[in-house]
PDBML (XML) file of the C-alpha atoms, coordinates in Angstrom:
<?xml version="1.0" encoding="UTF-8" ?>
<PDBx:datablock datablockName="MODEL"
   xmlns:PDBx="http://pdbml.pdb.org/schema/pdbx-v50.xsd"
   xmlns:xsi="http://www.w3.org/2001/XMLSchema-instance"
   xsi:schemaLocation="http://pdbml.pdb.org/schema/pdbx-v50.xsd pdbx-v50.xsd">
   <PDBx:atom_siteCategory>
      <PDBx:atom_site id="1">
         <PDBx:B_iso_or_equiv>0.00</PDBx:B_iso_or_equiv>
         <PDBx:Cartn_x>-1.840</PDBx:Cartn_x>
         <PDBx:Cartn_y>1.055</PDBx:Cartn_y>
         <PDBx:Cartn_z>-20.398</PDBx:Cartn_z>
         <PDBx:auth_asym_id>A</PDBx:auth_asym_id>
         <PDBx:auth_atom_id>CA</PDBx:auth_atom_id>
         <PDBx:auth_comp_id>VAL</PDBx:auth_comp_id>
         <PDBx:auth_seq_id>1</PDBx:auth_seq_id>
         <PDBx:group_PDB>ATOM</PDBx:group_PDB>
         <PDBx:label_alt_id xsi:nil="true" />
         <PDBx:label_asym_id>A</PDBx:label_asym_id>
         <PDBx:label_atom_id>CA</PDBx:label_atom_id>
         <PDBx:label_comp_id>VAL</PDBx:label_comp_id>
         <PDBx:label_entity_id>1</PDBx:label_entity_id>
         <PDBx:label_seq_id>1</PDBx:label_seq_id>
         <PDBx:occupancy>1.00</PDBx:occupancy>
         <PDBx:pdbx_PDB_model_num>1</PDBx:pdbx_PDB_model_num>
         <PDBx:type_symbol>C</PDBx:type_symbol>
      </PDBx:atom_site>
      <PDBx:atom_site id="2">
         <PDBx:B_iso_or_equiv>0.00</PDBx:B_iso_or_equiv>
         <PDBx:Cartn_x>-1.988</PDBx:Cartn_x>
         <PDBx:Cartn_y>3.797</PDBx:Cartn_y>
         <PDBx:Cartn_z>-17.747</PDBx:Cartn_z>
         <PDBx:auth_asym_id>A</PDBx:auth_asym_id>
         <PDBx:auth_atom_id>CA</PDBx:auth_atom_id>
         <PDBx:auth_comp_id>THR</PDBx:auth_comp_id>
         <PDBx:auth_seq_id>2</PDBx:auth_seq_id>
         <PDBx:group_PDB>ATOM</PDBx:group_PDB>
         <PDBx:label_alt_id xsi:nil="true" />
         <PDBx:label_asym_id>A</PDBx:label_asym_id>
         <PDBx:label_atom_id>CA</PDBx:label_atom_id>
         <PDBx:label_comp_id>THR</PDBx:label_comp_id>
         <PDBx:label_entity_id>1</PDBx:label_entity_id>
         <PDBx:label_seq_id>2</PDBx:label_seq_id>
         <PDBx:occupancy>1.00</PDBx:occupancy>
         <PDBx:pdbx_PDB_model_num>1</PDBx:pdbx_PDB_model_num>
         <PDBx:type_symbol>C</PDBx:type_symbol>
      </PDBx:atom_site>
      <PDBx:atom_site id="3">
         <PDBx:B_iso_or_equiv>0.00</PDBx:B_iso_or_equiv>
         <PDBx:Cartn_x>1.700</PDBx:Cartn_x>
         <PDBx:Cartn_y>3.431</PDBx:Cartn_y>
         <PDBx:Cartn_z>-16.779</PDBx:Cartn_z>
         <PDBx:auth_asym_id>A</PDBx:auth_asym_id>
         <PDBx:auth_atom_id>CA</PDBx:auth_atom_id>
         <PDBx:auth_comp_id>GLU</PDBx:auth_comp_id>
         <PDBx:auth_seq_id>3</PDBx:auth_seq_id>
         <PDBx:group_PDB>ATOM</PDBx:group_PDB>
         <PDBx:label_alt_id xsi:nil="true" />
         <PDBx:label_asym_id>A</PDBx:label_asym_id>
         <PDBx:label_atom_id>CA</PDBx:label_atom_id>
         <PDBx:label_comp_id>GLU</PDBx:label_comp_id>
         <PDBx:label_entity_id>1</PDBx:label_entity_id>
         <PDBx:label_seq_id>3</PDBx:label_seq_id>
         <PDBx:occupancy>1.00</PDBx:occupancy>
         <PDBx:pdbx_PDB_model_num>1</PDBx:pdbx_PDB_model_num>
         <PDBx:type_symbol>C</PDBx:type_symbol>
      </PDBx:atom_site>
      <PDBx:atom_site id="4">
         <PDBx:B_iso_or_equiv>0.00</PDBx:B_iso_or_equiv>
         <PDBx:Cartn_x>0.745</PDBx:Cartn_x>
         <PDBx:Cartn_y>4.085</PDBx:Cartn_y>
         <PDBx:Cartn_z>-13.143</PDBx:Cartn_z>
         <PDBx:auth_asym_id>A</PDBx:auth_asym_id>
         <PDBx:auth_atom_id>CA</PDBx:auth_atom_id>
         <PDBx:auth_comp_id>ALA</PDBx:auth_comp_id>
         <PDBx:auth_seq_id>4</PDBx:auth_seq_id>
         <PDBx:group_PDB>ATOM</PDBx:group_PDB>
         <PDBx:label_alt_id xsi:nil="true" />
         <PDBx:label_asym_id>A</PDBx:label_asym_id>
         <PDBx:label_atom_id>CA</PDBx:label_atom_id>
         <PDBx:label_comp_id>ALA</PDBx:label_comp_id>
         <PDBx:label_entity_id>1</PDBx:label_entity_id>
         <PDBx:label_seq_id>4</PDBx:label_seq_id>
         <PDBx:occupancy>1.00</PDBx:occupancy>
         <PDBx:pdbx_PDB_model_num>1</PDBx:pdbx_PDB_model_num>
         <PDBx:type_symbol>C</PDBx:type_symbol>
      </PDBx:atom_site>
      <PDBx:atom_site id="5">
         <PDBx:B_iso_or_equiv>0.00</PDBx:B_iso_or_equiv>
         <PDBx:Cartn_x>4.101</PDBx:Cartn_x>
         <PDBx:Cartn_y>3.323</PDBx:Cartn_y>
         <PDBx:Cartn_z>-11.551</PDBx:Cartn_z>
         <PDBx:auth_asym_id>A</PDBx:auth_asym_id>
         <PDBx:auth_atom_id>CA</PDBx:auth_atom_id>
         <PDBx:auth_comp_id>PHE</PDBx:auth_comp_id>
         <PDBx:auth_seq_id>5</PDBx:auth_seq_id>
         <PDBx:group_PDB>ATOM</PDBx:group_PDB>
         <PDBx:label_alt_id xsi:nil="true" />
         <PDBx:label_asym_id>A</PDBx:label_asym_id>
         <PDBx:label_atom_id>CA</PDBx:label_atom_id>
         <PDBx:label_comp_id>PHE</PDBx:label_comp_id>
         <PDBx:label_entity_id>1</PDBx:label_entity_id>
         <PDBx:label_seq_id>5</PDBx:label_seq_id>
         <PDBx:occupancy>1.00</PDBx:occupancy>
         <PDBx:pdbx_PDB_model_num>1</PDBx:pdbx_PDB_model_num>
         <PDBx:type_symbol>C</PDBx:type_symbol>
      </PDBx:atom_site>
      <PDBx:atom_site id="6">
         <PDBx:B_iso_or_equiv>0.00</PDBx:B_iso_or_equiv>
         <PDBx:Cartn_x>2.927</PDBx:Cartn_x>
         <PDBx:Cartn_y>4.518</PDBx:Cartn_y>
         <PDBx:Cartn_z>-8.186</PDBx:Cartn_z>
         <PDBx:auth_asym_id>A</PDBx:auth_asym_id>
         <PDBx:auth_atom_id>CA</PDBx:auth_atom_id>
         <PDBx:auth_comp_id>ASP</PDBx:auth_comp_id>
         <PDBx:auth_seq_id>6</PDBx:auth_seq_id>
         <PDBx:group_PDB>ATOM</PDBx:group_PDB>
         <PDBx:label_alt_id xsi:nil="true" />
         <PDBx:label_asym_id>A</PDBx:label_asym_id>
         <PDBx:label_atom_id>CA</PDBx:label_atom_id>
         <PDBx:label_comp_id>ASP</PDBx:label_comp_id>
         <PDBx:label_entity_id>1</PDBx:label_entity_id>
         <PDBx:label_seq_id>6</PDBx:label_seq_id>
         <PDBx:occupancy>1.00</PDBx:occupancy>
         <PDBx:pdbx_PDB_model_num>1</PDBx:pdbx_PDB_model_num>
         <PDBx:type_symbol>C</PDBx:type_symbol>
      </PDBx:atom_site>
      <PDBx:atom_site id="7">
         <PDBx:B_iso_or_equiv>0.00</PDBx:B_iso_or_equiv>
         <PDBx:Cartn_x>0.811</PDBx:Cartn_x>
         <PDBx:Cartn_y>1.353</PDBx:Cartn_y>
         <PDBx:Cartn_z>-7.893</PDBx:Cartn_z>
         <PDBx:auth_asym_id>A</PDBx:auth_asym_id>
         <PDBx:auth_atom_id>CA</PDBx:auth_atom_id>
         <PDBx:auth_comp_id>GLN</PDBx:auth_comp_id>
         <PDBx:auth_seq_id>7</PDBx:auth_seq_id>
         <PDBx:group_PDB>ATOM</PDBx:group_PDB>
         <PDBx:label_alt_id xsi:nil="true" />
         <PDBx:label_asym_id>A</PDBx:label_asym_id>
         <PDBx:label_atom_id>CA</PDBx:label_atom_id>
         <PDBx:label_comp_id>GLN</PDBx:label_comp_id>
         <PDBx:label_entity_id>1</PDBx:label_entity_id>
         <PDBx:label_seq_id>7</PDBx:label_seq_id>
         <PDBx:occupancy>1.00</PDBx:occupancy>
         <PDBx:pdbx_PDB_model_num>1</PDBx:pdbx_PDB_model_num>
         <PDBx:type_symbol>C</PDBx:type_symbol>
      </PDBx:atom_site>
      <PDBx:atom_site id="8">
         <PDBx:B_iso_or_equiv>0.00</PDBx:B_iso_or_equiv>
         <PDBx:Cartn_x>3.756</PDBx:Cartn_x>
         <PDBx:Cartn_y>-1.057</PDBx:Cartn_y>
         <PDBx:Cartn_z>-7.188</PDBx:Cartn_z>
         <PDBx:auth_asym_id>A</PDBx:auth_asym_id>
         <PDBx:auth_atom_id>CA</PDBx:auth_atom_id>
         <PDBx:auth_comp_id>ASN</PDBx:auth_comp_id>
         <PDBx:auth_seq_id>8</PDBx:auth_seq_id>
         <PDBx:group_PDB>ATOM</PDBx:group_PDB>
         <PDBx:label_alt_id xsi:nil="true" />
         <PDBx:label_asym_id>A</PDBx:label_asym_id>
         <PDBx:label_atom_id>CA</PDBx:label_atom_id>
         <PDBx:label_comp_id>ASN</PDBx:label_comp_id>
         <PDBx:label_entity_id>1</PDBx:label_entity_id>
         <PDBx:label_seq_id>8</PDBx:label_seq_id>
         <PDBx:occupancy>1.00</PDBx:occupancy>
         <PDBx:pdbx_PDB_model_num>1</PDBx:pdbx_PDB_model_num>
         <PDBx:type_symbol>C</PDBx:type_symbol>
      </PDBx:atom_site>
      <PDBx:atom_site id="9">
         <PDBx:B_iso_or_equiv>0.00</PDBx:B_iso_or_equiv>
         <PDBx:Cartn_x>2.562</PDBx:Cartn_x>
         <PDBx:Cartn_y>-1.821</PDBx:Cartn_y>
         <PDBx:Cartn_z>-3.614</PDBx:Cartn_z>
         <PDBx:auth_asym_id>A</PDBx:auth_asym_id>
         <PDBx:auth_atom_id>CA</PDBx:auth_atom_id>
         <PDBx:auth_comp_id>PRO</PDBx:auth_comp_id>
         <PDBx:auth_seq_id>9</PDBx:auth_seq_id>
         <PDBx:group_PDB>ATOM</PDBx:group_PDB>
         <PDBx:label_alt_id xsi:nil="true" />
         <PDBx:label_asym_id>A</PDBx:label_asym_id>
         <PDBx:label_atom_id>CA</PDBx:label_atom_id>
         <PDBx:label_comp_id>PRO</PDBx:label_comp_id>
         <PDBx:label_entity_id>1</PDBx:label_entity_id>
         <PDBx:label_seq_id>9</PDBx:label_seq_id>
         <PDBx:occupancy>1.00</PDBx:occupancy>
         <PDBx:pdbx_PDB_model_num>1</PDBx:pdbx_PDB_model_num>
         <PDBx:type_symbol>C</PDBx:type_symbol>
      </PDBx:atom_site>
      <PDBx:atom_site id="10">
         <PDBx:B_iso_or_equiv>0.00</PDBx:B_iso_or_equiv>
         <PDBx:Cartn_x>-0.767</PDBx:Cartn_x>
         <PDBx:Cartn_y>-2.892</PDBx:Cartn_y>
         <PDBx:Cartn_z>-5.098</PDBx:Cartn_z>
         <PDBx:auth_asym_id>A</PDBx:auth_asym_id>
         <PDBx:auth_atom_id>CA</PDBx:auth_atom_id>
         <PDBx:auth_comp_id>GLU</PDBx:auth_comp_id>
         <PDBx:auth_seq_id>10</PDBx:auth_seq_id>
         <PDBx:group_PDB>ATOM</PDBx:group_PDB>
         <PDBx:label_alt_id xsi:nil="true" />
         <PDBx:label_asym_id>A</PDBx:label_asym_id>
         <PDBx:label_atom_id>CA</PDBx:label_atom_id>
         <PDBx:label_comp_id>GLU</PDBx:label_comp_id>
         <PDBx:label_entity_id>1</PDBx:label_entity_id>
         <PDBx:label_seq_id>10</PDBx:label_seq_id>
         <PDBx:occupancy>1.00</PDBx:occupancy>
         <PDBx:pdbx_PDB_model_num>1</PDBx:pdbx_PDB_model_num>
         <PDBx:type_symbol>C</PDBx:type_symbol>
      </PDBx:atom_site>
      <PDBx:atom_site id="11">
         <PDBx:B_iso_or_equiv>0.00</PDBx:B_iso_or_equiv>
         <PDBx:Cartn_x>1.093</PDBx:Cartn_x>
         <PDBx:Cartn_y>-5.377</PDBx:Cartn_y>
         <PDBx:Cartn_z>-7.305</PDBx:Cartn_z>
         <PDBx:auth_asym_id>A</PDBx:auth_asym_id>
         <PDBx:auth_atom_id>CA</PDBx:auth_atom_id>
         <PDBx:auth_comp_id>VAL</PDBx:auth_comp_id>
         <PDBx:auth_seq_id>11</PDBx:auth_seq_id>
         <PDBx:group_PDB>ATOM</PDBx:group_PDB>
         <PDBx:label_alt_id xsi:nil="true" />
         <PDBx:label_asym_id>A</PDBx:label_asym_id>
         <PDBx:label_atom_id>CA</PDBx:label_atom_id>
         <PDBx:label_comp_id>VAL</PDBx:label_comp_id>
         <PDBx:label_entity_id>1</PDBx:label_entity_id>
         <PDBx:label_seq_id>11</PDBx:label_seq_id>
         <PDBx:occupancy>1.00</PDBx:occupancy>
         <PDBx:pdbx_PDB_model_num>1</PDBx:pdbx_PDB_model_num>
         <PDBx:type_symbol>C</PDBx:type_symbol>
      </PDBx:atom_site>
      <PDBx:atom_site id="12">
         <PDBx:B_iso_or_equiv>0.00</PDBx:B_iso_or_equiv>
         <PDBx:Cartn_x>2.632</PDBx:Cartn_x>
         <PDBx:Cartn_y>-6.992</PDBx:Cartn_y>
         <PDBx:Cartn_z>-4.288</PDBx:Cartn_z>
         <PDBx:auth_asym_id>A</PDBx:auth_asym_id>
         <PDBx:auth_atom_id>CA</PDBx:auth_atom_id>
         <PDBx:auth_comp_id>ALA</PDBx:auth_comp_id>
         <PDBx:auth_seq_id>12</PDBx:auth_seq_id>
         <PDBx:group_PDB>ATOM</PDBx:group_PDB>
         <PDBx:label_alt_id xsi:nil="true" />
         <PDBx:label_asym_id>A</PDBx:label_asym_id>
         <PDBx:label_atom_id>CA</PDBx:label_atom_id>
         <PDBx:label_comp_id>ALA</PDBx:label_comp_id>
         <PDBx:label_entity_id>1</PDBx:label_entity_id>
         <PDBx:label_seq_id>12</PDBx:label_seq_id>
         <PDBx:occupancy>1.00</PDBx:occupancy>
         <PDBx:pdbx_PDB_model_num>1</PDBx:pdbx_PDB_model_num>
         <PDBx:type_symbol>C</PDBx:type_symbol>
      </PDBx:atom_site>
      <PDBx:atom_site id="13">
         <PDBx:B_iso_or_equiv>0.00</PDBx:B_iso_or_equiv>
         <PDBx:Cartn_x>-0.689</PDBx:Cartn_x>
         <PDBx:Cartn_y>-7.188</PDBx:Cartn_y>
         <PDBx:Cartn_z>-2.468</PDBx:Cartn_z>
         <PDBx:auth_asym_id>A</PDBx:auth_asym_id>
         <PDBx:auth_atom_id>CA</PDBx:auth_atom_id>
         <PDBx:auth_comp_id>ALA</PDBx:auth_comp_id>
         <PDBx:auth_seq_id>13</PDBx:auth_seq_id>
         <PDBx:group_PDB>ATOM</PDBx:group_PDB>
         <PDBx:label_alt_id xsi:nil="true" />
         <PDBx:label_asym_id>A</PDBx:label_asym_id>
         <PDBx:label_atom_id>CA</PDBx:label_atom_id>
         <PDBx:label_comp_id>ALA</PDBx:label_comp_id>
         <PDBx:label_entity_id>1</PDBx:label_entity_id>
         <PDBx:label_seq_id>13</PDBx:label_seq_id>
         <PDBx:occupancy>1.00</PDBx:occupancy>
         <PDBx:pdbx_PDB_model_num>1</PDBx:pdbx_PDB_model_num>
         <PDBx:type_symbol>C</PDBx:type_symbol>
      </PDBx:atom_site>
      <PDBx:atom_site id="14">
         <PDBx:B_iso_or_equiv>0.00</PDBx:B_iso_or_equiv>
         <PDBx:Cartn_x>-2.537</PDBx:Cartn_x>
         <PDBx:Cartn_y>-8.679</PDBx:Cartn_y>
         <PDBx:Cartn_z>-5.395</PDBx:Cartn_z>
         <PDBx:auth_asym_id>A</PDBx:auth_asym_id>
         <PDBx:auth_atom_id>CA</PDBx:auth_atom_id>
         <PDBx:auth_comp_id>ARG</PDBx:auth_comp_id>
         <PDBx:auth_seq_id>14</PDBx:auth_seq_id>
         <PDBx:group_PDB>ATOM</PDBx:group_PDB>
         <PDBx:label_alt_id xsi:nil="true" />
         <PDBx:label_asym_id>A</PDBx:label_asym_id>
         <PDBx:label_atom_id>CA</PDBx:label_atom_id>
         <PDBx:label_comp_id>ARG</PDBx:label_comp_id>
         <PDBx:label_entity_id>1</PDBx:label_entity_id>
         <PDBx:label_seq_id>14</PDBx:label_seq_id>
         <PDBx:occupancy>1.00</PDBx:occupancy>
         <PDBx:pdbx_PDB_model_num>1</PDBx:pdbx_PDB_model_num>
         <PDBx:type_symbol>C</PDBx:type_symbol>
      </PDBx:atom_site>
      <PDBx:atom_site id="15">
         <PDBx:B_iso_or_equiv>0.00</PDBx:B_iso_or_equiv>
         <PDBx:Cartn_x>0.248</PDBx:Cartn_x>
         <PDBx:Cartn_y>-11.227</PDBx:Cartn_y>
         <PDBx:Cartn_z>-5.998</PDBx:Cartn_z>
         <PDBx:auth_asym_id>A</PDBx:auth_asym_id>
         <PDBx:auth_atom_id>CA</PDBx:auth_atom_id>
         <PDBx:auth_comp_id>THR</PDBx:auth_comp_id>
         <PDBx:auth_seq_id>15</PDBx:auth_seq_id>
         <PDBx:group_PDB>ATOM</PDBx:group_PDB>
         <PDBx:label_alt_id xsi:nil="true" />
         <PDBx:label_asym_id>A</PDBx:label_asym_id>
         <PDBx:label_atom_id>CA</PDBx:label_atom_id>
         <PDBx:label_comp_id>THR</PDBx:label_comp_id>
         <PDBx:label_entity_id>1</PDBx:label_entity_id>
         <PDBx:label_seq_id>15</PDBx:label_seq_id>
         <PDBx:occupancy>1.00</PDBx:occupancy>
         <PDBx:pdbx_PDB_model_num>1</PDBx:pdbx_PDB_model_num>
         <PDBx:type_symbol>C</PDBx:type_symbol>
      </PDBx:atom_site>
      <PDBx:atom_site id="16">
         <PDBx:B_iso_or_equiv>0.00</PDBx:B_iso_or_equiv>
         <PDBx:Cartn_x>0.166</PDBx:Cartn_x>
         <PDBx:Cartn_y>-12.209</PDBx:Cartn_y>
         <PDBx:Cartn_z>-2.317</PDBx:Cartn_z>
         <PDBx:auth_asym_id>A</PDBx:auth_asym_id>
         <PDBx:auth_atom_id>CA</PDBx:auth_atom_id>
         <PDBx:auth_comp_id>LEU</PDBx:auth_comp_id>
         <PDBx:auth_seq_id>16</PDBx:auth_seq_id>
         <PDBx:group_PDB>ATOM</PDBx:group_PDB>
         <PDBx:label_alt_id xsi:nil="true" />
         <PDBx:label_asym_id>A</PDBx:label_asym_id>
         <PDBx:label_atom_id>CA</PDBx:label_atom_id>
         <PDBx:label_comp_id>LEU</PDBx:label_comp_id>
         <PDBx:label_entity_id>1</PDBx:label_entity_id>
         <PDBx:label_seq_id>16</PDBx:label_seq_id>
         <PDBx:occupancy>1.00</PDBx:occupancy>
         <PDBx:pdbx_PDB_model_num>1</PDBx:pdbx_PDB_model_num>
         <PDBx:type_symbol>C</PDBx:type_symbol>
      </PDBx:atom_site>
      <PDBx:atom_site id="17">
         <PDBx:B_iso_or_equiv>0.00</PDBx:B_iso_or_equiv>
         <PDBx:Cartn_x>-3.607</PDBx:Cartn_x>
         <PDBx:Cartn_y>-12.719</PDBx:Cartn_y>
         <PDBx:Cartn_z>-2.471</PDBx:Cartn_z>
         <PDBx:auth_asym_id>A</PDBx:auth_asym_id>
         <PDBx:auth_atom_id>CA</PDBx:auth_atom_id>
         <PDBx:auth_comp_id>ASN</PDBx:auth_comp_id>
         <PDBx:auth_seq_id>17</PDBx:auth_seq_id>
         <PDBx:group_PDB>ATOM</PDBx:group_PDB>
         <PDBx:label_alt_id xsi:nil="true" />
         <PDBx:label_asym_id>A</PDBx:label_asym_id>
         <PDBx:label_atom_id>CA</PDBx:label_atom_id>
         <PDBx:label_comp_id>ASN</PDBx:label_comp_id>
         <PDBx:label_entity_id>1</PDBx:label_entity_id>
         <PDBx:label_seq_id>17</PDBx:label_seq_id>
         <PDBx:occupancy>1.00</PDBx:occupancy>
         <PDBx:pdbx_PDB_model_num>1</PDBx:pdbx_PDB_model_num>
         <PDBx:type_symbol>C</PDBx:type_symbol>
      </PDBx:atom_site>
      <PDBx:atom_site id="18">
         <PDBx:B_iso_or_equiv>0.00</PDBx:B_iso_or_equiv>
         <PDBx:Cartn_x>-3.194</PDBx:Cartn_x>
         <PDBx:Cartn_y>-14.971</PDBx:Cartn_y>
         <PDBx:Cartn_z>-5.521</PDBx:Cartn_z>
         <PDBx:auth_asym_id>A</PDBx:auth_asym_id>
         <PDBx:auth_atom_id>CA</PDBx:auth_atom_id>
         <PDBx:auth_comp_id>LEU</PDBx:auth_comp_id>
         <PDBx:auth_seq_id>18</PDBx:auth_seq_id>
         <PDBx:group_PDB>ATOM</PDBx:group_PDB>
         <PDBx:label_alt_id xsi:nil="true" />
         <PDBx:label_asym_id>A</PDBx:label_asym_id>
         <PDBx:label_atom_id>CA</PDBx:label_atom_id>
         <PDBx:label_comp_id>LEU</PDBx:label_comp_id>
         <PDBx:label_entity_id>1</PDBx:label_entity_id>
         <PDBx:label_seq_id>18</PDBx:label_seq_id>
         <PDBx:occupancy>1.00</PDBx:occupancy>
         <PDBx:pdbx_PDB_model_num>1</PDBx:pdbx_PDB_model_num>
         <PDBx:type_symbol>C</PDBx:type_symbol>
      </PDBx:atom_site>
      <PDBx:atom_site id="19">
         <PDBx:B_iso_or_equiv>0.00</PDBx:B_iso_or_equiv>
         <PDBx:Cartn_x>-0.639</PDBx:Cartn_x>
         <PDBx:Cartn_y>-17.045</PDBx:Cartn_y>
         <PDBx:Cartn_z>-3.681</PDBx:Cartn_z>
         <PDBx:auth_asym_id>A</PDBx:auth_asym_id>
         <PDBx:auth_atom_id>CA</PDBx:auth_atom_id>
         <PDBx:auth_comp_id>GLU</PDBx:auth_comp_id>
         <PDBx:auth_seq_id>19</PDBx:auth_seq_id>
         <PDBx:group_PDB>ATOM</PDBx:group_PDB>
         <PDBx:label_alt_id xsi:nil="true" />
         <PDBx:label_asym_id>A</PDBx:label_asym_id>
         <PDBx:label_atom_id>CA</PDBx:label_atom_id>
         <PDBx:label_comp_id>GLU</PDBx:label_comp_id>
         <PDBx:label_entity_id>1</PDBx:label_entity_id>
         <PDBx:label_seq_id>19</PDBx:label_seq_id>
         <PDBx:occupancy>1.00</PDBx:occupancy>
         <PDBx:pdbx_PDB_model_num>1</PDBx:pdbx_PDB_model_num>
         <PDBx:type_symbol>C</PDBx:type_symbol>
      </PDBx:atom_site>
      <PDBx:atom_site id="20">
         <PDBx:B_iso_or_equiv>0.00</PDBx:B_iso_or_equiv>
         <PDBx:Cartn_x>-3.014</PDBx:Cartn_x>
         <PDBx:Cartn_y>-17.427</PDBx:Cartn_y>
         <PDBx:Cartn_z>-0.738</PDBx:Cartn_z>
         <PDBx:auth_asym_id>A</PDBx:auth_asym_id>
         <PDBx:auth_atom_id>CA</PDBx:auth_atom_id>
         <PDBx:auth_comp_id>VAL</PDBx:auth_comp_id>
         <PDBx:auth_seq_id>20</PDBx:auth_seq_id>
         <PDBx:group_PDB>ATOM</PDBx:group_PDB>
         <PDBx:label_alt_id xsi:nil="true" />
         <PDBx:label_asym_id>A</PDBx:label_asym_id>
         <PDBx:label_atom_id>CA</PDBx:label_atom_id>
         <PDBx:label_comp_id>VAL</PDBx:label_comp_id>
         <PDBx:label_entity_id>1</PDBx:label_entity_id>
         <PDBx:label_seq_id>20</PDBx:label_seq_id>
         <PDBx:occupancy>1.00</PDBx:occupancy>
         <PDBx:pdbx_PDB_model_num>1</PDBx:pdbx_PDB_model_num>
         <PDBx:type_symbol>C</PDBx:type_symbol>
      </PDBx:atom_site>
      <PDBx:atom_site id="21">
         <PDBx:B_iso_or_equiv>0.00</PDBx:B_iso_or_equiv>
         <PDBx:Cartn_x>-5.751</PDBx:Cartn_x>
         <PDBx:Cartn_y>-18.690</PDBx:Cartn_y>
         <PDBx:Cartn_z>-3.061</PDBx:Cartn_z>
         <PDBx:auth_asym_id>A</PDBx:auth_asym_id>
         <PDBx:auth_atom_id>CA</PDBx:auth_atom_id>
         <PDBx:auth_comp_id>VAL</PDBx:auth_comp_id>
         <PDBx:auth_seq_id>21</PDBx:auth_seq_id>
         <PDBx:group_PDB>ATOM</PDBx:group_PDB>
         <PDBx:label_alt_id xsi:nil="true" />
         <PDBx:label_asym_id>A</PDBx:label_asym_id>
         <PDBx:label_atom_id>CA</PDBx:label_atom_id>
         <PDBx:label_comp_id>VAL</PDBx:label_comp_id>
         <PDBx:label_entity_id>1</PDBx:label_entity_id>
         <PDBx:label_seq_id>21</PDBx:label_seq_id>
         <PDBx:occupancy>1.00</PDBx:occupancy>
         <PDBx:pdbx_PDB_model_num>1</PDBx:pdbx_PDB_model_num>
         <PDBx:type_symbol>C</PDBx:type_symbol>
      </PDBx:atom_site>
      <PDBx:atom_site id="22">
         <PDBx:B_iso_or_equiv>0.00</PDBx:B_iso_or_equiv>
         <PDBx:Cartn_x>-3.323</PDBx:Cartn_x>
         <PDBx:Cartn_y>-21.070</PDBx:Cartn_y>
         <PDBx:Cartn_z>-4.752</PDBx:Cartn_z>
         <PDBx:auth_asym_id>A</PDBx:auth_asym_id>
         <PDBx:auth_atom_id>CA</PDBx:auth_atom_id>
         <PDBx:auth_comp_id>ARG</PDBx:auth_comp_id>
         <PDBx:auth_seq_id>22</PDBx:auth_seq_id>
         <PDBx:group_PDB>ATOM</PDBx:group_PDB>
         <PDBx:label_alt_id xsi:nil="true" />
         <PDBx:label_asym_id>A</PDBx:label_asym_id>
         <PDBx:label_atom_id>CA</PDBx:label_atom_id>
         <PDBx:label_comp_id>ARG</PDBx:label_comp_id>
         <PDBx:label_entity_id>1</PDBx:label_entity_id>
         <PDBx:label_seq_id>22</PDBx:label_seq_id>
         <PDBx:occupancy>1.00</PDBx:occupancy>
         <PDBx:pdbx_PDB_model_num>1</PDBx:pdbx_PDB_model_num>
         <PDBx:type_symbol>C</PDBx:type_symbol>
      </PDBx:atom_site>
      <PDBx:atom_site id="23">
         <PDBx:B_iso_or_equiv>0.00</PDBx:B_iso_or_equiv>
         <PDBx:Cartn_x>-2.164</PDBx:Cartn_x>
         <PDBx:Cartn_y>-22.456</PDBx:Cartn_y>
         <PDBx:Cartn_z>-1.389</PDBx:Cartn_z>
         <PDBx:auth_asym_id>A</PDBx:auth_asym_id>
         <PDBx:auth_atom_id>CA</PDBx:auth_atom_id>
         <PDBx:auth_comp_id>ASP</PDBx:auth_comp_id>
         <PDBx:auth_seq_id>23</PDBx:auth_seq_id>
         <PDBx:group_PDB>ATOM</PDBx:group_PDB>
         <PDBx:label_alt_id xsi:nil="true" />
         <PDBx:label_asym_id>A</PDBx:label_asym_id>
         <PDBx:label_atom_id>CA</PDBx:label_atom_id>
         <PDBx:label_comp_id>ASP</PDBx:label_comp_id>
         <PDBx:label_entity_id>1</PDBx:label_entity_id>
         <PDBx:label_seq_id>23</PDBx:label_seq_id>
         <PDBx:occupancy>1.00</PDBx:occupancy>
         <PDBx:pdbx_PDB_model_num>1</PDBx:pdbx_PDB_model_num>
         <PDBx:type_symbol>C</PDBx:type_symbol>
      </PDBx:atom_site>
      <PDBx:atom_site id="24">
         <PDBx:B_iso_or_equiv>0.00</PDBx:B_iso_or_equiv>
         <PDBx:Cartn_x>-5.786</PDBx:Cartn_x>
         <PDBx:Cartn_y>-22.974</PDBx:Cartn_y>
         <PDBx:Cartn_z>-0.322</PDBx:Cartn_z>
         <PDBx:auth_asym_id>A</PDBx:auth_asym_id>
         <PDBx:auth_atom_id>CA</PDBx:auth_atom_id>
         <PDBx:auth_comp_id>ARG</PDBx:auth_comp_id>
         <PDBx:auth_seq_id>24</PDBx:auth_seq_id>
         <PDBx:group_PDB>ATOM</PDBx:group_PDB>
         <PDBx:label_alt_id xsi:nil="true" />
         <PDBx:label_asym_id>A</PDBx:label_asym_id>
         <PDBx:label_atom_id>CA</PDBx:label_atom_id>
         <PDBx:label_comp_id>ARG</PDBx:label_comp_id>
         <PDBx:label_entity_id>1</PDBx:label_entity_id>
         <PDBx:label_seq_id>24</PDBx:label_seq_id>
         <PDBx:occupancy>1.00</PDBx:occupancy>
         <PDBx:pdbx_PDB_model_num>1</PDBx:pdbx_PDB_model_num>
         <PDBx:type_symbol>C</PDBx:type_symbol>
      </PDBx:atom_site>
      <PDBx:atom_site id="25">
         <PDBx:B_iso_or_equiv>0.00</PDBx:B_iso_or_equiv>
         <PDBx:Cartn_x>-6.448</PDBx:Cartn_x>
         <PDBx:Cartn_y>-24.997</PDBx:Cartn_y>
         <PDBx:Cartn_z>-3.480</PDBx:Cartn_z>
         <PDBx:auth_asym_id>A</PDBx:auth_asym_id>
         <PDBx:auth_atom_id>CA</PDBx:auth_atom_id>
         <PDBx:auth_comp_id>LEU</PDBx:auth_comp_id>
         <PDBx:auth_seq_id>25</PDBx:auth_seq_id>
         <PDBx:group_PDB>ATOM</PDBx:group_PDB>
         <PDBx:label_alt_id xsi:nil="true" />
         <PDBx:label_asym_id>A</PDBx:label_asym_id>
         <PDBx:label_atom_id>CA</PDBx:label_atom_id>
         <PDBx:label_comp_id>LEU</PDBx:label_comp_id>
         <PDBx:label_entity_id>1</PDBx:label_entity_id>
         <PDBx:label_seq_id>25</PDBx:label_seq_id>
         <PDBx:occupancy>1.00</PDBx:occupancy>
         <PDBx:pdbx_PDB_model_num>1</PDBx:pdbx_PDB_model_num>
         <PDBx:type_symbol>C</PDBx:type_symbol>
      </PDBx:atom_site>
   </PDBx:atom_siteCategory>
</PDBx:datablock>
């Protein structure tokens, strides 16, 4: 919605955190 393209590093961080949670499960 905001088209905040400067937030691409945040995408990587959040995706990595999700993978960590998935691996823990």
